[in-house]
Amino acid sequence: MDVINKIGRRKSSVARVYLSTGKGKITINNKDAKDYFTVDTLHYKLNQPFMLTDTVGQYDVMVNVKGGGVNGQAEAIRLGISRALVEVDAENKPKLKIVGLMTRDPRMVERKKPGQKKARKKFQFSKR
C-alpha cells in the first residue's frame, strides 16, 4: 500500500494526514502524539477511527497540522484519519458514518461586527 494523503478540517485547524501500513505510530508535526497532545481525551479522539474499524496498530500516521487550538486540531486529525481509512477500505464508511466521524463540522467563529464589542455583544447602553 502506498501512502494515502487526506485533509481534515475543524474550525480554523487544517490537518494533512499521511496514512501508511506500519505498527500504529502517530507522529504530529514531527513529534510523537503523546508529546504533542498531553490530555488523554485527545488521544482517544485520535484513536477512535481505528477502534471503530478494528485496525488498531495496523497503520502509521504522519500529520502536519496548523491553526486553531488543541481540540480543533485533534478533531481535524480524526476527520483526516477517517477519510484515509475509507479510502483503504470502503466497508469502513458505514461504521464511521454512524458515529459521525465522516462529516465535516461546519461551525466556525462568527465574525465581529462594526459598532459592537464582539460578534453579538454590544457596547454598554447609557440612557443618560
N, C-alpha and C. Protein backbone atom coordinates (compact mmCIF):
# COMPACT_ATOMS: atom_id res chain seq x y z
N MET A 1 0.83 -1.19 0.00
CA MET A 1 0.00 0.00 0.00
C MET A 1 0.88 1.25 0.00
N ASP A 2 0.54 2.17 -0.86
CA ASP A 2 1.25 3.45 -0.88
C ASP A 2 0.76 4.32 0.26
N VAL A 3 1.35 5.49 0.34
CA VAL A 3 0.93 6.46 1.36
C VAL A 3 -0.36 7.13 0.89
N ILE A 4 -1.35 7.18 1.76
CA ILE A 4 -2.63 7.82 1.45
C ILE A 4 -2.64 9.19 2.11
N ASN A 5 -2.98 10.20 1.32
CA ASN A 5 -2.94 11.59 1.76
C ASN A 5 -4.36 12.14 1.80
N LYS A 6 -4.80 12.62 2.97
CA LYS A 6 -6.14 13.21 3.12
C LYS A 6 -6.05 14.45 4.00
N ILE A 7 -7.08 15.31 3.87
CA ILE A 7 -7.12 16.55 4.65
C ILE A 7 -8.33 16.51 5.58
N GLY A 8 -8.15 16.97 6.81
CA GLY A 8 -9.25 17.12 7.75
C GLY A 8 -9.25 18.55 8.27
N ARG A 9 -10.44 19.11 8.43
CA ARG A 9 -10.55 20.48 8.93
C ARG A 9 -11.55 20.54 10.07
N ARG A 10 -11.33 21.49 10.99
CA ARG A 10 -12.25 21.75 12.10
C ARG A 10 -11.97 23.15 12.60
N LYS A 11 -12.99 24.00 12.62
CA LYS A 11 -12.83 25.42 12.97
C LYS A 11 -11.74 26.02 12.10
N SER A 12 -10.65 26.50 12.67
CA SER A 12 -9.59 27.08 11.83
C SER A 12 -8.38 26.16 11.73
N SER A 13 -8.53 24.91 12.15
CA SER A 13 -7.43 23.94 12.09
C SER A 13 -7.48 23.16 10.78
N VAL A 14 -6.31 22.96 10.19
CA VAL A 14 -6.18 22.17 8.97
C VAL A 14 -5.14 21.10 9.22
N ALA A 15 -5.51 19.84 9.01
CA ALA A 15 -4.61 18.71 9.24
C ALA A 15 -4.40 17.94 7.94
N ARG A 16 -3.14 17.79 7.52
CA ARG A 16 -2.81 16.94 6.38
C ARG A 16 -2.34 15.61 6.95
N VAL A 17 -3.06 14.55 6.62
CA VAL A 17 -2.83 13.23 7.21
C VAL A 17 -2.24 12.31 6.14
N TYR A 18 -1.15 11.62 6.49
CA TYR A 18 -0.50 10.65 5.61
C TYR A 18 -0.56 9.30 6.29
N LEU A 19 -1.31 8.36 5.70
CA LEU A 19 -1.54 7.04 6.29
C LEU A 19 -0.76 6.00 5.50
N SER A 20 0.00 5.16 6.21
CA SER A 20 0.74 4.08 5.56
C SER A 20 0.72 2.86 6.48
N THR A 21 0.98 1.69 5.91
CA THR A 21 1.00 0.48 6.74
C THR A 21 2.17 0.55 7.70
N GLY A 22 1.96 0.04 8.91
CA GLY A 22 3.01 0.11 9.92
C GLY A 22 2.56 -0.53 11.21
N LYS A 23 3.04 0.04 12.33
CA LYS A 23 2.79 -0.54 13.64
C LYS A 23 1.92 0.32 14.54
N GLY A 24 1.27 1.34 13.99
CA GLY A 24 0.37 2.16 14.80
C GLY A 24 1.01 3.40 15.38
N LYS A 25 2.11 3.86 14.81
CA LYS A 25 2.78 5.06 15.33
C LYS A 25 2.12 6.30 14.77
N ILE A 26 1.80 7.25 15.64
CA ILE A 26 1.18 8.52 15.22
C ILE A 26 2.18 9.64 15.48
N THR A 27 2.57 10.35 14.42
CA THR A 27 3.51 11.46 14.51
C THR A 27 2.79 12.73 14.08
N ILE A 28 2.84 13.75 14.94
CA ILE A 28 2.18 15.02 14.65
C ILE A 28 3.22 16.12 14.66
N ASN A 29 3.39 16.80 13.53
CA ASN A 29 4.39 17.87 13.39
C ASN A 29 5.78 17.42 13.87
N ASN A 30 6.19 16.24 13.44
CA ASN A 30 7.49 15.63 13.77
C ASN A 30 7.67 15.38 15.27
N LYS A 31 6.57 15.25 16.01
CA LYS A 31 6.61 14.88 17.43
C LYS A 31 5.71 13.68 17.62
N ASP A 32 5.99 12.90 18.64
CA ASP A 32 5.10 11.79 18.98
C ASP A 32 3.76 12.35 19.47
N ALA A 33 2.68 11.62 19.23
CA ALA A 33 1.35 12.10 19.61
C ALA A 33 1.24 12.31 21.12
N LYS A 34 1.93 11.47 21.90
CA LYS A 34 1.88 11.61 23.37
C LYS A 34 2.52 12.92 23.82
N ASP A 35 3.55 13.37 23.08
CA ASP A 35 4.21 14.63 23.42
C ASP A 35 3.42 15.84 22.91
N TYR A 36 2.77 15.69 21.76
CA TYR A 36 2.05 16.82 21.17
C TYR A 36 0.75 17.10 21.91
N PHE A 37 -0.04 16.04 22.16
CA PHE A 37 -1.28 16.17 22.93
C PHE A 37 -1.05 15.50 24.28
N THR A 38 -1.14 16.27 25.35
CA THR A 38 -0.86 15.73 26.68
C THR A 38 -2.12 15.20 27.37
N VAL A 39 -3.30 15.55 26.87
CA VAL A 39 -4.56 15.15 27.50
C VAL A 39 -5.03 13.81 26.92
N ASP A 40 -5.51 12.92 27.79
CA ASP A 40 -5.92 11.58 27.36
C ASP A 40 -7.14 11.60 26.45
N THR A 41 -8.06 12.56 26.64
CA THR A 41 -9.25 12.60 25.79
C THR A 41 -8.88 12.89 24.34
N LEU A 42 -7.82 13.65 24.12
CA LEU A 42 -7.38 13.94 22.75
C LEU A 42 -6.75 12.70 22.11
N HIS A 43 -6.06 11.88 22.91
CA HIS A 43 -5.51 10.62 22.40
C HIS A 43 -6.65 9.68 22.01
N TYR A 44 -7.73 9.69 22.79
CA TYR A 44 -8.89 8.88 22.46
C TYR A 44 -9.49 9.31 21.13
N LYS A 45 -9.57 10.64 20.91
CA LYS A 45 -10.12 11.14 19.65
C LYS A 45 -9.27 10.71 18.46
N LEU A 46 -7.94 10.67 18.65
CA LEU A 46 -7.06 10.26 17.55
C LEU A 46 -7.25 8.78 17.22
N ASN A 47 -7.44 7.95 18.24
CA ASN A 47 -7.54 6.50 18.03
C ASN A 47 -8.96 6.02 17.74
N GLN A 48 -9.95 6.89 17.87
CA GLN A 48 -11.34 6.49 17.70
C GLN A 48 -11.63 5.86 16.33
N PRO A 49 -11.16 6.42 15.20
CA PRO A 49 -11.44 5.77 13.91
C PRO A 49 -10.83 4.37 13.82
N PHE A 50 -9.65 4.19 14.40
CA PHE A 50 -9.00 2.87 14.36
C PHE A 50 -9.77 1.86 15.21
N MET A 51 -10.27 2.29 16.38
CA MET A 51 -11.01 1.39 17.25
C MET A 51 -12.33 0.96 16.61
N LEU A 52 -13.00 1.89 15.94
CA LEU A 52 -14.29 1.57 15.32
C LEU A 52 -14.14 0.62 14.14
N THR A 53 -13.01 0.70 13.42
CA THR A 53 -12.81 -0.14 12.24
C THR A 53 -11.94 -1.36 12.54
N ASP A 54 -11.59 -1.59 13.80
CA ASP A 54 -10.76 -2.72 14.22
C ASP A 54 -9.43 -2.76 13.48
N THR A 55 -8.78 -1.60 13.35
CA THR A 55 -7.48 -1.52 12.67
C THR A 55 -6.42 -0.91 13.59
N VAL A 56 -6.55 -1.10 14.89
CA VAL A 56 -5.59 -0.54 15.84
C VAL A 56 -4.23 -1.20 15.63
N GLY A 57 -3.20 -0.40 15.45
CA GLY A 57 -1.84 -0.91 15.30
C GLY A 57 -1.49 -1.40 13.91
N GLN A 58 -2.32 -1.15 12.92
CA GLN A 58 -2.03 -1.61 11.56
C GLN A 58 -1.45 -0.52 10.67
N TYR A 59 -1.68 0.74 11.02
CA TYR A 59 -1.25 1.84 10.16
C TYR A 59 -0.43 2.86 10.93
N ASP A 60 0.58 3.41 10.26
CA ASP A 60 1.33 4.54 10.80
C ASP A 60 0.71 5.81 10.25
N VAL A 61 0.63 6.84 11.09
CA VAL A 61 0.03 8.11 10.69
C VAL A 61 1.06 9.21 10.89
N MET A 62 1.27 10.00 9.84
CA MET A 62 2.09 11.20 9.95
C MET A 62 1.22 12.40 9.62
N VAL A 63 1.23 13.41 10.49
CA VAL A 63 0.29 14.53 10.36
C VAL A 63 1.06 15.84 10.40
N ASN A 64 0.65 16.75 9.50
CA ASN A 64 1.05 18.16 9.59
C ASN A 64 -0.22 18.93 9.90
N VAL A 65 -0.25 19.62 11.04
CA VAL A 65 -1.45 20.34 11.44
C VAL A 65 -1.07 21.75 11.84
N LYS A 66 -1.95 22.71 11.49
CA LYS A 66 -1.70 24.09 11.88
C LYS A 66 -3.03 24.79 12.11
N GLY A 67 -2.98 25.85 12.88
CA GLY A 67 -4.16 26.67 13.14
C GLY A 67 -5.02 26.12 14.26
N GLY A 68 -5.76 27.02 14.90
CA GLY A 68 -6.72 26.62 15.91
C GLY A 68 -6.09 26.19 17.22
N GLY A 69 -6.92 25.60 18.08
CA GLY A 69 -6.47 25.11 19.37
C GLY A 69 -6.27 23.61 19.35
N VAL A 70 -5.96 23.05 20.51
CA VAL A 70 -5.63 21.63 20.57
C VAL A 70 -6.84 20.75 20.26
N ASN A 71 -8.03 21.13 20.73
CA ASN A 71 -9.21 20.31 20.48
C ASN A 71 -9.59 20.34 19.00
N GLY A 72 -9.55 21.51 18.40
CA GLY A 72 -9.85 21.62 16.97
C GLY A 72 -8.85 20.86 16.13
N GLN A 73 -7.58 20.90 16.53
CA GLN A 73 -6.55 20.16 15.80
C GLN A 73 -6.78 18.66 15.92
N ALA A 74 -7.12 18.18 17.12
CA ALA A 74 -7.36 16.75 17.32
C ALA A 74 -8.55 16.28 16.48
N GLU A 75 -9.60 17.08 16.42
CA GLU A 75 -10.77 16.68 15.65
C GLU A 75 -10.51 16.77 14.15
N ALA A 76 -9.65 17.69 13.72
CA ALA A 76 -9.27 17.77 12.31
C ALA A 76 -8.46 16.54 11.92
N ILE A 77 -7.56 16.11 12.80
CA ILE A 77 -6.77 14.91 12.54
C ILE A 77 -7.68 13.68 12.48
N ARG A 78 -8.65 13.62 13.38
CA ARG A 78 -9.59 12.50 13.41
C ARG A 78 -10.37 12.40 12.10
N LEU A 79 -10.81 13.54 11.55
CA LEU A 79 -11.53 13.53 10.28
C LEU A 79 -10.62 13.07 9.14
N GLY A 80 -9.36 13.52 9.14
CA GLY A 80 -8.41 13.10 8.11
C GLY A 80 -8.13 11.61 8.16
N ILE A 81 -7.97 11.07 9.37
CA ILE A 81 -7.73 9.63 9.53
C ILE A 81 -8.95 8.84 9.06
N SER A 82 -10.14 9.31 9.39
CA SER A 82 -11.37 8.62 8.98
C SER A 82 -11.47 8.59 7.46
N ARG A 83 -11.18 9.70 6.81
CA ARG A 83 -11.24 9.75 5.34
C ARG A 83 -10.21 8.81 4.72
N ALA A 84 -9.04 8.74 5.33
CA ALA A 84 -7.99 7.86 4.79
C ALA A 84 -8.38 6.39 4.97
N LEU A 85 -8.99 6.04 6.10
CA LEU A 85 -9.41 4.65 6.33
C LEU A 85 -10.51 4.23 5.35
N VAL A 86 -11.36 5.18 4.95
CA VAL A 86 -12.40 4.86 3.97
C VAL A 86 -11.77 4.61 2.60
N GLU A 87 -10.69 5.34 2.29
CA GLU A 87 -10.02 5.10 1.01
C GLU A 87 -9.32 3.75 1.02
N VAL A 88 -8.81 3.32 2.17
CA VAL A 88 -8.18 2.00 2.28
C VAL A 88 -9.22 0.91 2.04
N ASP A 89 -10.36 1.00 2.72
CA ASP A 89 -11.42 0.00 2.60
C ASP A 89 -12.77 0.70 2.67
N ALA A 90 -13.55 0.63 1.60
CA ALA A 90 -14.84 1.32 1.53
C ALA A 90 -15.85 0.76 2.53
N GLU A 91 -15.63 -0.45 3.05
CA GLU A 91 -16.55 -1.03 4.03
C GLU A 91 -16.44 -0.34 5.39
N ASN A 92 -15.41 0.48 5.59
CA ASN A 92 -15.27 1.22 6.84
C ASN A 92 -16.23 2.41 6.94
N LYS A 93 -16.73 2.87 5.80
CA LYS A 93 -17.52 4.11 5.79
C LYS A 93 -18.79 4.02 6.64
N PRO A 94 -19.61 2.96 6.54
CA PRO A 94 -20.82 2.94 7.38
C PRO A 94 -20.52 2.93 8.88
N LYS A 95 -19.46 2.25 9.28
CA LYS A 95 -19.09 2.20 10.71
C LYS A 95 -18.74 3.59 11.22
N LEU A 96 -18.00 4.35 10.41
CA LEU A 96 -17.57 5.68 10.82
C LEU A 96 -18.69 6.71 10.69
N LYS A 97 -19.56 6.52 9.70
CA LYS A 97 -20.62 7.49 9.47
C LYS A 97 -21.68 7.45 10.56
N ILE A 98 -21.96 6.26 11.10
CA ILE A 98 -22.97 6.13 12.17
C ILE A 98 -22.57 6.97 13.37
N VAL A 99 -21.29 6.97 13.71
CA VAL A 99 -20.80 7.70 14.87
C VAL A 99 -20.63 9.19 14.56
N GLY A 100 -20.60 9.54 13.28
CA GLY A 100 -20.48 10.95 12.89
C GLY A 100 -19.07 11.40 12.58
N LEU A 101 -18.17 10.46 12.28
CA LEU A 101 -16.78 10.83 12.02
C LEU A 101 -16.51 11.18 10.56
N MET A 102 -17.50 11.00 9.69
CA MET A 102 -17.27 11.30 8.27
C MET A 102 -17.79 12.69 7.88
N THR A 103 -18.46 13.38 8.79
CA THR A 103 -19.00 14.69 8.45
C THR A 103 -18.09 15.79 8.96
N ARG A 104 -17.87 16.77 8.12
CA ARG A 104 -17.05 17.94 8.46
C ARG A 104 -17.93 18.87 9.30
N ASP A 105 -17.50 19.21 10.50
CA ASP A 105 -18.27 20.08 11.38
C ASP A 105 -18.21 21.51 10.84
N PRO A 106 -19.33 22.09 10.39
CA PRO A 106 -19.26 23.39 9.72
C PRO A 106 -19.21 24.59 10.65
N ARG A 107 -19.31 24.37 11.96
CA ARG A 107 -19.37 25.51 12.88
C ARG A 107 -18.05 26.26 12.91
N MET A 108 -18.13 27.56 12.65
CA MET A 108 -16.95 28.43 12.66
C MET A 108 -17.24 29.60 13.60
N VAL A 109 -16.20 30.36 13.91
CA VAL A 109 -16.36 31.53 14.76
C VAL A 109 -17.08 32.62 13.97
N GLU A 110 -18.10 33.21 14.58
CA GLU A 110 -18.84 34.28 13.92
C GLU A 110 -17.99 35.54 13.91
N ARG A 111 -18.07 36.29 12.82
CA ARG A 111 -17.22 37.47 12.69
C ARG A 111 -17.69 38.60 13.59
N LYS A 112 -16.77 39.49 13.96
CA LYS A 112 -17.09 40.66 14.75
C LYS A 112 -17.71 41.71 13.85
N LYS A 113 -18.80 42.32 14.31
CA LYS A 113 -19.46 43.35 13.53
C LYS A 113 -19.01 44.73 13.98
N PRO A 114 -18.97 45.70 13.04
CA PRO A 114 -18.58 47.06 13.41
C PRO A 114 -19.64 47.72 14.30
N GLY A 115 -19.19 48.53 15.25
CA GLY A 115 -20.11 49.18 16.17
C GLY A 115 -20.53 48.30 17.32
N GLN A 116 -19.91 47.10 17.42
CA GLN A 116 -20.21 46.20 18.53
C GLN A 116 -18.90 45.76 19.17
N LYS A 117 -19.02 45.26 20.40
CA LYS A 117 -17.83 44.82 21.12
C LYS A 117 -17.29 43.51 20.57
N LYS A 118 -18.19 42.55 20.33
CA LYS A 118 -17.83 41.25 19.75
C LYS A 118 -18.85 40.91 18.67
N ALA A 119 -18.99 39.62 18.36
CA ALA A 119 -19.91 39.23 17.29
C ALA A 119 -21.36 39.57 17.65
N ARG A 120 -21.75 39.30 18.88
CA ARG A 120 -23.13 39.58 19.29
C ARG A 120 -23.23 40.57 20.45
N LYS A 121 -22.16 40.70 21.22
CA LYS A 121 -22.18 41.59 22.38
C LYS A 121 -22.12 43.04 21.93
N LYS A 122 -22.95 43.86 22.55
CA LYS A 122 -22.98 45.29 22.22
C LYS A 122 -22.21 46.07 23.29
N PHE A 123 -21.88 47.32 22.95
CA PHE A 123 -21.31 48.21 23.95
C PHE A 123 -22.41 48.57 24.95
N GLN A 124 -22.00 48.92 26.18
CA GLN A 124 -22.99 49.23 27.22
C GLN A 124 -23.81 50.45 26.82
N PHE A 125 -25.14 50.32 26.98
CA PHE A 125 -26.04 51.41 26.63
C PHE A 125 -26.25 52.32 27.83
N SER A 126 -26.12 53.61 27.58
CA SER A 126 -26.33 54.59 28.65
C SER A 126 -27.53 55.45 28.31
N LYS A 127 -28.53 55.42 29.17
CA LYS A 127 -29.75 56.19 28.90
C LYS A 127 -29.51 57.68 29.12
N ARG A 128 -28.75 58.03 30.16
CA ARG A 128 -28.49 59.44 30.48
C ARG A 128 -27.01 59.72 30.48
